[in-house]
Amino acid sequence: AYDVTWLAAKQEQLLDENLVTLGQRNAAERVAMLLVVLWRRADRLGLGDGHGGVDFPLTQQHIADALGLSLVHTNKTLRKLERLGLHRVADGRLYLLQPAALARIADFVARPIRPQPLI
């Protein structure tokens, strides 16, 4: 019962963070948050290449749809963050070049990684 409760609480926390991202953040903050969260998740799952890159099959349209932004605004925001040297997407891989700076833009707070129950 504890494991199910823990998983439900974790999912609710993720939902709350996503709602804040959509409702209170500007485009740069939204995109930065998405990049940081997806990179961390992929890296934790062992999808990293050992050089700071993780698999990143998303298109700009996927990102725009997920964040409630237009495709044009998403493109401009991604390019702006890339010009600042914060990230790079190449050959289907996402590289966070300055993860701490990207996390600051996103107002991302890293929580300690705890083992998740298996049910």
PDB file of N, CA and C in Angstrom:
ATOM      1  N   ALA A   1       0.824  -1.192   0.000  1.00  0.00           N
ATOM      2  CA  ALA A   1       0.000   0.000   0.000  1.00  0.00           C
ATOM      3  C   ALA A   1       0.873   1.264   0.000  1.00  0.00           C
ATOM      4  N   TYR A   2       1.972   1.205   0.767  1.00  0.00           N
ATOM      5  CA  TYR A   2       2.865   2.362   0.819  1.00  0.00           C
ATOM      6  C   TYR A   2       3.431   2.663  -0.564  1.00  0.00           C
ATOM      7  N   ASP A   3       3.839   1.620  -1.294  1.00  0.00           N
ATOM      8  CA  ASP A   3       4.435   1.822  -2.614  1.00  0.00           C
ATOM      9  C   ASP A   3       3.457   2.493  -3.569  1.00  0.00           C
ATOM     10  N   VAL A   4       2.214   2.068  -3.542  1.00  0.00           N
ATOM     11  CA  VAL A   4       1.204   2.663  -4.423  1.00  0.00           C
ATOM     12  C   VAL A   4       0.973   4.120  -4.036  1.00  0.00           C
ATOM     13  N   THR A   5       0.912   4.400  -2.753  1.00  0.00           N
ATOM     14  CA  THR A   5       0.732   5.776  -2.281  1.00  0.00           C
ATOM     15  C   THR A   5       1.913   6.640  -2.696  1.00  0.00           C
ATOM     16  N   TRP A   6       3.128   6.100  -2.567  1.00  0.00           N
ATOM     17  CA  TRP A   6       4.329   6.843  -2.949  1.00  0.00           C
ATOM     18  C   TRP A   6       4.299   7.180  -4.430  1.00  0.00           C
ATOM     19  N   LEU A   7       3.960   6.191  -5.264  1.00  0.00           N
ATOM     20  CA  LEU A   7       3.904   6.428  -6.710  1.00  0.00           C
ATOM     21  C   LEU A   7       2.842   7.466  -7.062  1.00  0.00           C
ATOM     22  N   ALA A   8       1.682   7.390  -6.414  1.00  0.00           N
ATOM     23  CA  ALA A   8       0.620   8.362  -6.679  1.00  0.00           C
ATOM     24  C   ALA A   8       1.060   9.766  -6.285  1.00  0.00           C
ATOM     25  N   ALA A   9       1.725   9.892  -5.146  1.00  0.00           N
ATOM     26  CA  ALA A   9       2.206  11.205  -4.705  1.00  0.00           C
ATOM     27  C   ALA A   9       3.256  11.750  -5.663  1.00  0.00           C
ATOM     28  N   LYS A  10       4.135  10.890  -6.144  1.00  0.00           N
ATOM     29  CA  LYS A  10       5.177  11.315  -7.091  1.00  0.00           C
ATOM     30  C   LYS A  10       4.539  11.806  -8.387  1.00  0.00           C
ATOM     31  N   GLN A  11       3.546  11.084  -8.883  1.00  0.00           N
ATOM     32  CA  GLN A  11       2.865  11.494 -10.105  1.00  0.00           C
ATOM     33  C   GLN A  11       2.144  12.830  -9.912  1.00  0.00           C
ATOM     34  N   GLU A  12       1.541  13.026  -8.750  1.00  0.00           N
ATOM     35  CA  GLU A  12       0.868  14.297  -8.474  1.00  0.00           C
ATOM     36  C   GLU A  12       1.873  15.444  -8.426  1.00  0.00           C
ATOM     37  N   GLN A  13       3.039  15.203  -7.863  1.00  0.00           N
ATOM     38  CA  GLN A  13       4.089  16.220  -7.821  1.00  0.00           C
ATOM     39  C   GLN A  13       4.517  16.600  -9.237  1.00  0.00           C
ATOM     40  N   LEU A  14       4.707  15.615 -10.111  1.00  0.00           N
ATOM     41  CA  LEU A  14       5.086  15.888 -11.499  1.00  0.00           C
ATOM     42  C   LEU A  14       3.999  16.684 -12.213  1.00  0.00           C
ATOM     43  N   LEU A  15       2.744  16.331 -11.970  1.00  0.00           N
ATOM     44  CA  LEU A  15       1.635  17.058 -12.575  1.00  0.00           C
ATOM     45  C   LEU A  15       1.625  18.511 -12.110  1.00  0.00           C
ATOM     46  N   ASP A  16       1.825  18.736 -10.817  1.00  0.00           N
ATOM     47  CA  ASP A  16       1.870  20.104 -10.285  1.00  0.00           C
ATOM     48  C   ASP A  16       2.980  20.918 -10.942  1.00  0.00           C
ATOM     49  N   GLU A  17       4.156  20.316 -11.088  1.00  0.00           N
ATOM     50  CA  GLU A  17       5.278  21.021 -11.711  1.00  0.00           C
ATOM     51  C   GLU A  17       4.969  21.358 -13.169  1.00  0.00           C
ATOM     52  N   ASN A  18       4.315  20.439 -13.869  1.00  0.00           N
ATOM     53  CA  ASN A  18       3.959  20.701 -15.264  1.00  0.00           C
ATOM     54  C   ASN A  18       2.933  21.820 -15.376  1.00  0.00           C
ATOM     55  N   LEU A  19       1.978  21.861 -14.468  1.00  0.00           N
ATOM     56  CA  LEU A  19       0.983  22.937 -14.494  1.00  0.00           C
ATOM     57  C   LEU A  19       1.627  24.292 -14.227  1.00  0.00           C
ATOM     58  N   VAL A  20       2.560  24.344 -13.294  1.00  0.00           N
ATOM     59  CA  VAL A  20       3.283  25.590 -13.024  1.00  0.00           C
ATOM     60  C   VAL A  20       4.062  26.011 -14.264  1.00  0.00           C
ATOM     61  N   THR A  21       4.714  25.051 -14.907  1.00  0.00           N
ATOM     62  CA  THR A  21       5.485  25.355 -16.111  1.00  0.00           C
ATOM     63  C   THR A  21       4.601  25.983 -17.171  1.00  0.00           C
ATOM     64  N   LEU A  22       3.440  25.422 -17.402  1.00  0.00           N
ATOM     65  CA  LEU A  22       2.560  25.945 -18.447  1.00  0.00           C
ATOM     66  C   LEU A  22       1.901  27.257 -18.049  1.00  0.00           C
ATOM     67  N   GLY A  23       1.563  27.401 -16.782  1.00  0.00           N
ATOM     68  CA  GLY A  23       0.789  28.560 -16.372  1.00  0.00           C
ATOM     69  C   GLY A  23       1.577  29.772 -15.932  1.00  0.00           C
ATOM     70  N   GLN A  24       2.806  29.603 -15.484  1.00  0.00           N
ATOM     71  CA  GLN A  24       3.505  30.721 -14.870  1.00  0.00           C
ATOM     72  C   GLN A  24       4.863  31.041 -15.471  1.00  0.00           C
ATOM     73  N   ARG A  25       5.342  30.234 -16.398  1.00  0.00           N
ATOM     74  CA  ARG A  25       6.677  30.466 -16.949  1.00  0.00           C
ATOM     75  C   ARG A  25       6.597  31.037 -18.359  1.00  0.00           C
ATOM     76  N   ASN A  26       7.599  31.846 -18.710  1.00  0.00           N
ATOM     77  CA  ASN A  26       7.664  32.353 -20.079  1.00  0.00           C
ATOM     78  C   ASN A  26       8.262  31.271 -20.978  1.00  0.00           C
ATOM     79  N   ALA A  27       8.374  31.556 -22.261  1.00  0.00           N
ATOM     80  CA  ALA A  27       8.813  30.543 -23.222  1.00  0.00           C
ATOM     81  C   ALA A  27      10.206  30.006 -22.916  1.00  0.00           C
ATOM     82  N   ALA A  28      11.150  30.881 -22.601  1.00  0.00           N
ATOM     83  CA  ALA A  28      12.517  30.429 -22.312  1.00  0.00           C
ATOM     84  C   ALA A  28      12.541  29.539 -21.077  1.00  0.00           C
ATOM     85  N   GLU A  29      11.779  29.904 -20.063  1.00  0.00           N
ATOM     86  CA  GLU A  29      11.728  29.102 -18.841  1.00  0.00           C
ATOM     87  C   GLU A  29      11.079  27.746 -19.104  1.00  0.00           C
ATOM     88  N   ARG A  30      10.026  27.737 -19.925  1.00  0.00           N
ATOM     89  CA  ARG A  30       9.352  26.474 -20.261  1.00  0.00           C
ATOM     90  C   ARG A  30      10.283  25.534 -21.014  1.00  0.00           C
ATOM     91  N   VAL A  31      10.940  26.060 -22.033  1.00  0.00           N
ATOM     92  CA  VAL A  31      11.830  25.229 -22.846  1.00  0.00           C
ATOM     93  C   VAL A  31      13.006  24.747 -22.004  1.00  0.00           C
ATOM     94  N   ALA A  32      13.576  25.635 -21.204  1.00  0.00           N
ATOM     95  CA  ALA A  32      14.701  25.247 -20.347  1.00  0.00           C
ATOM     96  C   ALA A  32      14.283  24.140 -19.385  1.00  0.00           C
ATOM     97  N   MET A  33      13.117  24.263 -18.791  1.00  0.00           N
ATOM     98  CA  MET A  33      12.623  23.243 -17.863  1.00  0.00           C
ATOM     99  C   MET A  33      12.472  21.902 -18.575  1.00  0.00           C
ATOM    100  N   LEU A  34      11.879  21.919 -19.751  1.00  0.00           N
ATOM    101  CA  LEU A  34      11.691  20.677 -20.497  1.00  0.00           C
ATOM    102  C   LEU A  34      13.032  20.020 -20.815  1.00  0.00           C
ATOM    103  N   LEU A  35      13.986  20.809 -21.281  1.00  0.00           N
ATOM    104  CA  LEU A  35      15.294  20.256 -21.635  1.00  0.00           C
ATOM    105  C   LEU A  35      15.995  19.657 -20.417  1.00  0.00           C
ATOM    106  N   VAL A  36      15.957  20.366 -19.299  1.00  0.00           N
ATOM    107  CA  VAL A  36      16.619  19.879 -18.086  1.00  0.00           C
ATOM    108  C   VAL A  36      15.952  18.600 -17.581  1.00  0.00           C
ATOM    109  N   VAL A  37      14.631  18.604 -17.508  1.00  0.00           N
ATOM    110  CA  VAL A  37      13.913  17.439 -16.978  1.00  0.00           C
ATOM    111  C   VAL A  37      14.109  16.224 -17.872  1.00  0.00           C
ATOM    112  N   LEU A  38      13.962  16.391 -19.180  1.00  0.00           N
ATOM    113  CA  LEU A  38      14.127  15.251 -20.084  1.00  0.00           C
ATOM    114  C   LEU A  38      15.558  14.731 -20.076  1.00  0.00           C
ATOM    115  N   TRP A  39      16.533  15.643 -20.042  1.00  0.00           N
ATOM    116  CA  TRP A  39      17.934  15.212 -20.013  1.00  0.00           C
ATOM    117  C   TRP A  39      18.221  14.403 -18.749  1.00  0.00           C
ATOM    118  N   ARG A  40      17.758  14.920 -17.610  1.00  0.00           N
ATOM    119  CA  ARG A  40      17.999  14.210 -16.342  1.00  0.00           C
ATOM    120  C   ARG A  40      17.357  12.835 -16.335  1.00  0.00           C
ATOM    121  N   ARG A  41      16.121  12.760 -16.819  1.00  0.00           N
ATOM    122  CA  ARG A  41      15.429  11.467 -16.841  1.00  0.00           C
ATOM    123  C   ARG A  41      16.153  10.476 -17.744  1.00  0.00           C
ATOM    124  N   ALA A  42      16.520  10.923 -18.935  1.00  0.00           N
ATOM    125  CA  ALA A  42      17.209  10.035 -19.877  1.00  0.00           C
ATOM    126  C   ALA A  42      18.558   9.600 -19.318  1.00  0.00           C
ATOM    127  N   ASP A  43      19.265  10.518 -18.700  1.00  0.00           N
ATOM    128  CA  ASP A  43      20.571  10.185 -18.136  1.00  0.00           C
ATOM    129  C   ASP A  43      20.433   9.160 -17.008  1.00  0.00           C
ATOM    130  N   ARG A  44      19.416   9.350 -16.160  1.00  0.00           N
ATOM    131  CA  ARG A  44      19.172   8.408 -15.064  1.00  0.00           C
ATOM    132  C   ARG A  44      18.846   7.006 -15.566  1.00  0.00           C
ATOM    133  N   LEU A  45      18.211   6.933 -16.724  1.00  0.00           N
ATOM    134  CA  LEU A  45      17.848   5.634 -17.295  1.00  0.00           C
ATOM    135  C   LEU A  45      18.992   4.994 -18.062  1.00  0.00           C
ATOM    136  N   GLY A  46      20.139   5.667 -18.075  1.00  0.00           N
ATOM    137  CA  GLY A  46      21.294   5.106 -18.756  1.00  0.00           C
ATOM    138  C   GLY A  46      21.294   5.328 -20.255  1.00  0.00           C
ATOM    139  N   LEU A  47      20.565   6.339 -20.717  1.00  0.00           N
ATOM    140  CA  LEU A  47      20.493   6.620 -22.148  1.00  0.00           C
ATOM    141  C   LEU A  47      21.555   7.614 -22.600  1.00  0.00           C
ATOM    142  N   GLY A  48      22.460   7.971 -21.701  1.00  0.00           N
ATOM    143  CA  GLY A  48      23.542   8.891 -22.041  1.00  0.00           C
ATOM    144  C   GLY A  48      24.607   8.200 -22.874  1.00  0.00           C
ATOM    145  N   ASP A  49      25.376   8.998 -23.599  1.00  0.00           N
ATOM    146  CA  ASP A  49      26.415   8.448 -24.473  1.00  0.00           C
ATOM    147  C   ASP A  49      27.814   8.550 -23.859  1.00  0.00           C
ATOM    148  N   GLY A  50      27.905   9.008 -22.620  1.00  0.00           N
ATOM    149  CA  GLY A  50      29.207   9.158 -21.984  1.00  0.00           C
ATOM    150  C   GLY A  50      29.888  10.475 -22.310  1.00  0.00           C
ATOM    151  N   HIS A  51      29.297  11.256 -23.199  1.00  0.00           N
ATOM    152  CA  HIS A  51      29.852  12.559 -23.587  1.00  0.00           C
ATOM    153  C   HIS A  51      28.873  13.690 -23.279  1.00  0.00           C
ATOM    154  N   GLY A  52      27.916  13.426 -22.400  1.00  0.00           N
ATOM    155  CA  GLY A  52      26.953  14.446 -22.013  1.00  0.00           C
ATOM    156  C   GLY A  52      25.707  14.496 -22.867  1.00  0.00           C
ATOM    157  N   GLY A  53      25.593  13.618 -23.843  1.00  0.00           N
ATOM    158  CA  GLY A  53      24.419  13.604 -24.707  1.00  0.00           C
ATOM    159  C   GLY A  53      23.469  12.481 -24.339  1.00  0.00           C
ATOM    160  N   VAL A  54      22.179  12.724 -24.562  1.00  0.00           N
ATOM    161  CA  VAL A  54      21.159  11.696 -24.358  1.00  0.00           C
ATOM    162  C   VAL A  54      20.290  11.627 -25.605  1.00  0.00           C
ATOM    163  N   ASP A  55      19.674  10.465 -25.818  1.00  0.00           N
ATOM    164  CA  ASP A  55      18.753  10.321 -26.941  1.00  0.00           C
ATOM    165  C   ASP A  55      17.672  11.393 -26.850  1.00  0.00           C
ATOM    166  N   PHE A  56      17.361  12.010 -27.986  1.00  0.00           N
ATOM    167  CA  PHE A  56      16.373  13.092 -28.006  1.00  0.00           C
ATOM    168  C   PHE A  56      15.612  13.042 -29.328  1.00  0.00           C
ATOM    169  N   PRO A  57      14.607  12.166 -29.412  1.00  0.00           N
ATOM    170  CA  PRO A  57      13.882  12.002 -30.672  1.00  0.00           C
ATOM    171  C   PRO A  57      12.787  13.039 -30.914  1.00  0.00           C
ATOM    172  N   LEU A  58      12.617  13.998 -30.015  1.00  0.00           N
ATOM    173  CA  LEU A  58      11.528  14.970 -30.154  1.00  0.00           C
ATOM    174  C   LEU A  58      11.798  15.970 -31.274  1.00  0.00           C
ATOM    175  N   THR A  59      10.725  16.376 -31.918  1.00  0.00           N
ATOM    176  CA  THR A  59      10.810  17.453 -32.905  1.00  0.00           C
ATOM    177  C   THR A  59      10.415  18.762 -32.222  1.00  0.00           C
ATOM    178  N   GLN A  60      10.659  19.858 -32.910  1.00  0.00           N
ATOM    179  CA  GLN A  60      10.236  21.149 -32.367  1.00  0.00           C
ATOM    180  C   GLN A  60       8.717  21.205 -32.245  1.00  0.00           C
ATOM    181  N   GLN A  61       8.012  20.518 -33.125  1.00  0.00           N
ATOM    182  CA  GLN A  61       6.547  20.483 -33.032  1.00  0.00           C
ATOM    183  C   GLN A  61       6.112  19.769 -31.755  1.00  0.00           C
ATOM    184  N   HIS A  62       6.787  18.675 -31.398  1.00  0.00           N
ATOM    185  CA  HIS A  62       6.481  17.988 -30.137  1.00  0.00           C
ATOM    186  C   HIS A  62       6.670  18.936 -28.953  1.00  0.00           C
ATOM    187  N   ILE A  63       7.777  19.652 -28.958  1.00  0.00           N
ATOM    188  CA  ILE A  63       8.084  20.576 -27.858  1.00  0.00           C
ATOM    189  C   ILE A  63       7.040  21.684 -27.792  1.00  0.00           C
ATOM    190  N   ALA A  64       6.712  22.253 -28.946  1.00  0.00           N
ATOM    191  CA  ALA A  64       5.710  23.321 -28.997  1.00  0.00           C
ATOM    192  C   ALA A  64       4.373  22.841 -28.441  1.00  0.00           C
ATOM    193  N   ASP A  65       3.944  21.672 -28.881  1.00  0.00           N
ATOM    194  CA  ASP A  65       2.665  21.131 -28.417  1.00  0.00           C
ATOM    195  C   ASP A  65       2.681  20.854 -26.915  1.00  0.00           C
ATOM    196  N   ALA A  66       3.772  20.297 -26.422  1.00  0.00           N
ATOM    197  CA  ALA A  66       3.863  19.965 -24.997  1.00  0.00           C
ATOM    198  C   ALA A  66       3.858  21.205 -24.117  1.00  0.00           C
ATOM    199  N   LEU A  67       4.396  22.311 -24.632  1.00  0.00           N
ATOM    200  CA  LEU A  67       4.547  23.517 -23.820  1.00  0.00           C
ATOM    201  C   LEU A  67       3.512  24.597 -24.115  1.00  0.00           C
ATOM    202  N   GLY A  68       2.615  24.336 -25.053  1.00  0.00           N
ATOM    203  CA  GLY A  68       1.593  25.325 -25.371  1.00  0.00           C
ATOM    204  C   GLY A  68       2.144  26.551 -26.069  1.00  0.00           C
ATOM    205  N   LEU A  69       3.164  26.349 -26.903  1.00  0.00           N
ATOM    206  CA  LEU A  69       3.788  27.444 -27.646  1.00  0.00           C
ATOM    207  C   LEU A  69       3.587  27.224 -29.135  1.00  0.00           C
ATOM    208  N   SER A  70       3.708  28.292 -29.905  1.00  0.00           N
ATOM    209  CA  SER A  70       3.666  28.130 -31.357  1.00  0.00           C
ATOM    210  C   SER A  70       4.983  27.523 -31.820  1.00  0.00           C
ATOM    211  N   LEU A  71       4.952  26.917 -32.989  1.00  0.00           N
ATOM    212  CA  LEU A  71       6.163  26.317 -33.543  1.00  0.00           C
ATOM    213  C   LEU A  71       7.233  27.382 -33.779  1.00  0.00           C
ATOM    214  N   VAL A  72       6.824  28.540 -34.281  1.00  0.00           N
ATOM    215  CA  VAL A  72       7.774  29.627 -34.551  1.00  0.00           C
ATOM    216  C   VAL A  72       8.418  30.107 -33.250  1.00  0.00           C
ATOM    217  N   HIS A  73       7.610  30.305 -32.218  1.00  0.00           N
ATOM    218  CA  HIS A  73       8.144  30.785 -30.939  1.00  0.00           C
ATOM    219  C   HIS A  73       9.072  29.738 -30.312  1.00  0.00           C
ATOM    220  N   THR A  74       8.710  28.476 -30.451  1.00  0.00           N
ATOM    221  CA  THR A  74       9.560  27.394 -29.944  1.00  0.00           C
ATOM    222  C   THR A  74      10.904  27.402 -30.652  1.00  0.00           C
ATOM    223  N   ASN A  75      10.881  27.542 -31.978  1.00  0.00           N
ATOM    224  CA  ASN A  75      12.116  27.566 -32.762  1.00  0.00           C
ATOM    225  C   ASN A  75      13.008  28.724 -32.331  1.00  0.00           C
ATOM    226  N   LYS A  76      12.422  29.909 -32.196  1.00  0.00           N
ATOM    227  CA  LYS A  76      13.205  31.087 -31.792  1.00  0.00           C
ATOM    228  C   LYS A  76      13.791  30.917 -30.393  1.00  0.00           C
ATOM    229  N   THR A  77      13.014  30.335 -29.499  1.00  0.00           N
ATOM    230  CA  THR A  77      13.476  30.146 -28.124  1.00  0.00           C
ATOM    231  C   THR A  77      14.604  29.123 -28.061  1.00  0.00           C
ATOM    232  N   LEU A  78      14.462  28.014 -28.769  1.00  0.00           N
ATOM    233  CA  LEU A  78      15.529  27.001 -28.803  1.00  0.00           C
ATOM    234  C   LEU A  78      16.812  27.584 -29.386  1.00  0.00           C
ATOM    235  N   ARG A  79      16.679  28.348 -30.468  1.00  0.00           N
ATOM    236  CA  ARG A  79      17.866  28.965 -31.085  1.00  0.00           C
ATOM    237  C   ARG A  79      18.520  29.959 -30.140  1.00  0.00           C
ATOM    238  N   LYS A  80      17.705  30.746 -29.432  1.00  0.00           N
ATOM    239  CA  LYS A  80      18.248  31.724 -28.481  1.00  0.00           C
ATOM    240  C   LYS A  80      19.049  31.020 -27.386  1.00  0.00           C
ATOM    241  N   LEU A  81      18.488  29.963 -26.813  1.00  0.00           N
ATOM    242  CA  LEU A  81      19.188  29.228 -25.761  1.00  0.00           C
ATOM    243  C   LEU A  81      20.446  28.557 -26.299  1.00  0.00           C
ATOM    244  N   GLU A  82      20.390  28.114 -27.551  1.00  0.00           N
ATOM    245  CA  GLU A  82      21.573  27.497 -28.159  1.00  0.00           C
ATOM    246  C   GLU A  82      22.660  28.545 -28.417  1.00  0.00           C
ATOM    247  N   ARG A  83      22.258  29.733 -28.893  1.00  0.00           N
ATOM    248  CA  ARG A  83      23.235  30.816 -29.122  1.00  0.00           C
ATOM    249  C   ARG A  83      23.920  31.231 -27.825  1.00  0.00           C
ATOM    250  N   LEU A  84      23.212  31.113 -26.717  1.00  0.00           N
ATOM    251  CA  LEU A  84      23.790  31.437 -25.409  1.00  0.00           C
ATOM    252  C   LEU A  84      24.740  30.337 -24.928  1.00  0.00           C
ATOM    253  N   GLY A  85      24.831  29.264 -25.695  1.00  0.00           N
ATOM    254  CA  GLY A  85      25.743  28.176 -25.350  1.00  0.00           C
ATOM    255  C   GLY A  85      25.234  27.261 -24.254  1.00  0.00           C
ATOM    256  N   LEU A  86      23.910  27.192 -24.094  1.00  0.00           N
ATOM    257  CA  LEU A  86      23.342  26.401 -23.006  1.00  0.00           C
ATOM    258  C   LEU A  86      23.077  24.953 -23.391  1.00  0.00           C
ATOM    259  N   HIS A  87      22.721  24.731 -24.646  1.00  0.00           N
ATOM    260  CA  HIS A  87      22.409  23.372 -25.087  1.00  0.00           C
ATOM    261  C   HIS A  87      22.720  23.243 -26.569  1.00  0.00           C
ATOM    262  N   ARG A  88      22.688  21.993 -27.016  1.00  0.00           N
ATOM    263  CA  ARG A  88      22.850  21.706 -28.442  1.00  0.00           C
ATOM    264  C   ARG A  88      22.087  20.425 -28.729  1.00  0.00           C
ATOM    265  N   VAL A  89      21.386  20.407 -29.850  1.00  0.00           N
ATOM    266  CA  VAL A  89      20.728  19.193 -30.325  1.00  0.00           C
ATOM    267  C   VAL A  89      21.385  18.842 -31.646  1.00  0.00           C
ATOM    268  N   ALA A  90      21.937  17.630 -31.718  1.00  0.00           N
ATOM    269  CA  ALA A  90      22.617  17.194 -32.938  1.00  0.00           C
ATOM    270  C   ALA A  90      22.476  15.687 -33.081  1.00  0.00           C
ATOM    271  N   ASP A  91      22.145  15.263 -34.284  1.00  0.00           N
ATOM    272  CA  ASP A  91      22.054  13.831 -34.595  1.00  0.00           C
ATOM    273  C   ASP A  91      21.152  13.074 -33.624  1.00  0.00           C
ATOM    274  N   GLY A  92      20.017  13.680 -33.287  1.00  0.00           N
ATOM    275  CA  GLY A  92      19.064  13.012 -32.406  1.00  0.00           C
ATOM    276  C   GLY A  92      19.502  12.906 -30.959  1.00  0.00           C
ATOM    277  N   ARG A  93      20.449  13.766 -30.566  1.00  0.00           N
ATOM    278  CA  ARG A  93      20.943  13.755 -29.191  1.00  0.00           C
ATOM    279  C   ARG A  93      20.862  15.168 -28.610  1.00  0.00           C
ATOM    280  N   LEU A  94      20.563  15.247 -27.335  1.00  0.00           N
ATOM    281  CA  LEU A  94      20.506  16.513 -26.609  1.00  0.00           C
ATOM    282  C   LEU A  94      21.730  16.605 -25.715  1.00  0.00           C
ATOM    283  N   TYR A  95      22.444  17.714 -25.832  1.00  0.00           N
ATOM    284  CA  TYR A  95      23.612  17.989 -24.997  1.00  0.00           C
ATOM    285  C   TYR A  95      23.321  19.243 -24.178  1.00  0.00           C
ATOM    286  N   LEU A  96      23.435  19.141 -22.870  1.00  0.00           N
ATOM    287  CA  LEU A  96      23.330  20.326 -22.018  1.00  0.00           C
ATOM    288  C   LEU A  96      24.749  20.821 -21.786  1.00  0.00           C
ATOM    289  N   LEU A  97      25.091  21.929 -22.423  1.00  0.00           N
ATOM    290  CA  LEU A  97      26.450  22.457 -22.357  1.00  0.00           C
ATOM    291  C   LEU A  97      26.700  23.213 -21.058  1.00  0.00           C
ATOM    292  N   GLN A  98      25.655  23.853 -20.558  1.00  0.00           N
ATOM    293  CA  GLN A  98      25.734  24.564 -19.273  1.00  0.00           C
ATOM    294  C   GLN A  98      24.493  24.208 -18.457  1.00  0.00           C
ATOM    295  N   PRO A  99      24.454  23.002 -17.907  1.00  0.00           N
ATOM    296  CA  PRO A  99      23.240  22.559 -17.218  1.00  0.00           C
ATOM    297  C   PRO A  99      22.847  23.443 -16.037  1.00  0.00           C
ATOM    298  N   ALA A 100      23.807  23.970 -15.304  1.00  0.00           N
ATOM    299  CA  ALA A 100      23.473  24.815 -14.149  1.00  0.00           C
ATOM    300  C   ALA A 100      22.806  26.112 -14.600  1.00  0.00           C
ATOM    301  N   ALA A 101      23.301  26.703 -15.673  1.00  0.00           N
ATOM    302  CA  ALA A 101      22.705  27.940 -16.189  1.00  0.00           C
ATOM    303  C   ALA A 101      21.304  27.676 -16.733  1.00  0.00           C
ATOM    304  N   LEU A 102      21.137  26.567 -17.422  1.00  0.00           N
ATOM    305  CA  LEU A 102      19.818  26.209 -17.951  1.00  0.00           C
ATOM    306  C   LEU A 102      18.840  25.955 -16.805  1.00  0.00           C
ATOM    307  N   ALA A 103      19.307  25.301 -15.757  1.00  0.00           N
ATOM    308  CA  ALA A 103      18.461  25.043 -14.588  1.00  0.00           C
ATOM    309  C   ALA A 103      18.067  26.345 -13.896  1.00  0.00           C
ATOM    310  N   ARG A 104      18.986  27.325 -13.860  1.00  0.00           N
ATOM    311  CA  ARG A 104      18.652  28.630 -13.257  1.00  0.00           C
ATOM    312  C   ARG A 104      17.558  29.326 -14.056  1.00  0.00           C
ATOM    313  N   ILE A 105      17.663  29.293 -15.377  1.00  0.00           N
ATOM    314  CA  ILE A 105      16.630  29.912 -16.216  1.00  0.00           C
ATOM    315  C   ILE A 105      15.281  29.257 -15.942  1.00  0.00           C
ATOM    316  N   ALA A 106      15.290  27.935 -15.805  1.00  0.00           N
ATOM    317  CA  ALA A 106      14.054  27.185 -15.597  1.00  0.00           C
ATOM    318  C   ALA A 106      13.549  27.258 -14.164  1.00  0.00           C
ATOM    319  N   ASP A 107      14.368  27.799 -13.271  1.00  0.00           N
ATOM    320  CA  ASP A 107      14.064  27.786 -11.840  1.00  0.00           C
ATOM    321  C   ASP A 107      13.868  26.342 -11.376  1.00  0.00           C
ATOM    322  N   PHE A 108      14.744  25.483 -11.885  1.00  0.00           N
ATOM    323  CA  PHE A 108      14.684  24.049 -11.602  1.00  0.00           C
ATOM    324  C   PHE A 108      15.433  23.755 -10.319  1.00  0.00           C
ATOM    325  N   VAL A 109      14.796  23.012  -9.440  1.00  0.00           N
ATOM    326  CA  VAL A 109      15.423  22.600  -8.189  1.00  0.00           C
ATOM    327  C   VAL A 109      15.590  21.089  -8.242  1.00  0.00           C
ATOM    328  N   ALA A 110      16.829  20.647  -8.262  1.00  0.00           N
ATOM    329  CA  ALA A 110      17.096  19.205  -8.309  1.00  0.00           C
ATOM    330  C   ALA A 110      16.808  18.601  -6.947  1.00  0.00           C
ATOM    331  N   ARG A 111      16.041  17.562  -6.977  1.00  0.00           N
ATOM    332  CA  ARG A 111      15.761  16.827  -5.749  1.00  0.00           C
ATOM    333  C   ARG A 111      16.631  15.581  -5.724  1.00  0.00           C
ATOM    334  N   PRO A 112      16.991  15.127  -4.539  1.00  0.00           N
ATOM    335  CA  PRO A 112      17.792  13.908  -4.477  1.00  0.00           C
ATOM    336  C   PRO A 112      17.044  12.746  -5.112  1.00  0.00           C
ATOM    337  N   ILE A 113      17.792  11.915  -5.790  1.00  0.00           N
ATOM    338  CA  ILE A 113      17.192  10.760  -6.445  1.00  0.00           C
ATOM    339  C   ILE A 113      17.061   9.647  -5.413  1.00  0.00           C
ATOM    340  N   ARG A 114      15.817   9.236  -5.205  1.00  0.00           N
ATOM    341  CA  ARG A 114      15.565   8.148  -4.265  1.00  0.00           C
ATOM    342  C   ARG A 114      15.074   6.943  -5.045  1.00  0.00           C
ATOM    343  N   PRO A 115      15.355   5.763  -4.553  1.00  0.00           N
ATOM    344  CA  PRO A 115      14.861   4.573  -5.244  1.00  0.00           C
ATOM    345  C   PRO A 115      13.339   4.584  -5.284  1.00  0.00           C
ATOM    346  N   GLN A 116      12.805   4.213  -6.409  1.00  0.00           N
ATOM    347  CA  GLN A 116      11.359   4.152  -6.556  1.00  0.00           C
ATOM    348  C   GLN A 116      10.897   2.715  -6.351  1.00  0.00           C
ATOM    349  N   PRO A 117       9.764   2.544  -5.705  1.00  0.00           N
ATOM    350  CA  PRO A 117       9.273   1.186  -5.483  1.00  0.00           C
ATOM    351  C   PRO A 117       8.828   0.543  -6.794  1.00  0.00           C
ATOM    352  N   LEU A 118       8.982  -0.746  -6.861  1.00  0.00           N
ATOM    353  CA  LEU A 118       8.487  -1.517  -7.996  1.00  0.00           C
ATOM    354  C   LEU A 118       7.229  -2.234  -7.542  1.00  0.00           C
ATOM    355  N   ILE A 119       6.172  -2.085  -8.328  1.00  0.00           N
ATOM    356  CA  ILE A 119       4.941  -2.785  -7.946  1.00  0.00           C
ATOM    357  C   ILE A 119       4.467  -3.634  -9.092  1.00  0.00           C
TER     358      ILE A 119
END
